[in-house]
């Protein structure tokens, strides 16, 4: 294990820490992984198809659920 990681675990994000993302109309078009994801945790960009309030869709790579809320 990297000694820097072991000494400072609060500075590192857990892979797939967020498994559901609420999306609004202003967020569209939405894609996964999102811009705030770490590079090591990334997969190829996939656009998530959401059109109507209440629509849900999952990323085919990481299974994150996206829900259009308003």
Protein backbone atom coordinates (compact mmCIF):
# COMPACT_ATOMS: atom_id res chain seq x y z
CA UNK A 1 0.00 0.00 0.00
CA UNK A 2 1.17 3.51 -0.76
CA UNK A 3 2.27 5.14 2.51
CA UNK A 4 0.72 8.49 1.50
CA UNK A 5 -2.66 6.83 0.98
CA UNK A 6 -2.46 4.95 4.27
CA UNK A 7 -1.52 8.09 6.18
CA UNK A 8 -4.23 10.31 4.64
CA UNK A 9 -7.25 8.18 3.71
CA UNK A 10 -9.65 11.12 4.14
CA UNK A 11 -8.06 12.77 1.06
CA UNK A 12 -8.99 9.93 -1.28
CA UNK A 13 -12.32 9.12 -2.81
CA UNK A 14 -13.69 5.58 -2.83
CA UNK A 15 -14.41 4.12 -6.27
CA UNK A 16 -18.10 4.41 -7.20
CA UNK A 17 -18.83 6.26 -3.97
CA UNK A 18 -21.94 7.78 -5.57
CA UNK A 19 -24.28 5.23 -7.10
CA UNK A 20 -27.26 7.51 -7.82
CA UNK A 21 -27.17 10.98 -9.35
CA UNK A 22 -30.13 13.37 -9.47
CA UNK A 23 -30.12 15.34 -12.71
CA UNK A 24 -32.09 18.47 -13.64
CA UNK A 25 -32.99 19.79 -17.09
CA UNK A 26 -30.18 22.34 -16.82
CA UNK A 27 -27.65 19.48 -16.40
CA UNK A 28 -28.57 17.92 -19.75
CA UNK A 29 -26.90 16.44 -21.69
CA UNK A 30 -25.43 14.30 -18.93
CA UNK A 31 -22.59 11.83 -19.27
CA UNK A 32 -20.69 9.37 -17.14
CA UNK A 33 -18.14 9.58 -15.67
CA UNK A 34 -18.84 13.11 -14.52
CA UNK A 35 -16.23 15.85 -14.59
CA UNK A 36 -15.62 15.61 -10.84
CA UNK A 37 -14.58 11.93 -11.01
CA UNK A 38 -10.94 11.06 -10.55
CA UNK A 39 -8.94 9.96 -13.59
CA UNK A 40 -8.00 6.58 -12.10
CA UNK A 41 -11.68 5.87 -11.53
CA UNK A 42 -12.69 6.77 -15.08
CA UNK A 43 -14.11 4.69 -17.90
CA UNK A 44 -14.94 5.73 -21.49
CA UNK A 45 -17.45 8.59 -21.62
CA UNK A 46 -21.03 7.46 -22.09
CA UNK A 47 -23.90 9.88 -22.65
CA UNK A 48 -26.94 9.06 -20.52
CA UNK A 49 -30.29 9.34 -22.30
CA UNK A 50 -32.85 11.18 -20.14
CA UNK A 51 -35.76 13.13 -21.65
CA UNK A 52 -38.69 13.34 -19.26
CA UNK A 53 -38.98 14.00 -15.53
CA UNK A 54 -38.88 10.65 -13.78
CA UNK A 55 -36.71 8.97 -16.43
CA UNK A 56 -33.90 6.80 -15.07
CA UNK A 57 -30.90 5.27 -16.82
CA UNK A 58 -27.79 3.37 -15.75
CA UNK A 59 -24.24 3.73 -16.93
CA UNK A 60 -23.25 0.55 -18.76
CA UNK A 61 -19.76 0.62 -17.24
CA UNK A 62 -20.14 1.49 -13.56
CA UNK A 63 -23.91 1.02 -13.01
CA UNK A 64 -24.37 4.52 -11.60
CA UNK A 65 -28.09 5.36 -11.73
CA UNK A 66 -29.08 8.75 -13.20
CA UNK A 67 -32.56 10.13 -12.44
CA UNK A 68 -34.12 13.20 -14.08
CA UNK A 69 -35.84 14.99 -11.21
CA UNK A 70 -37.11 18.28 -12.71
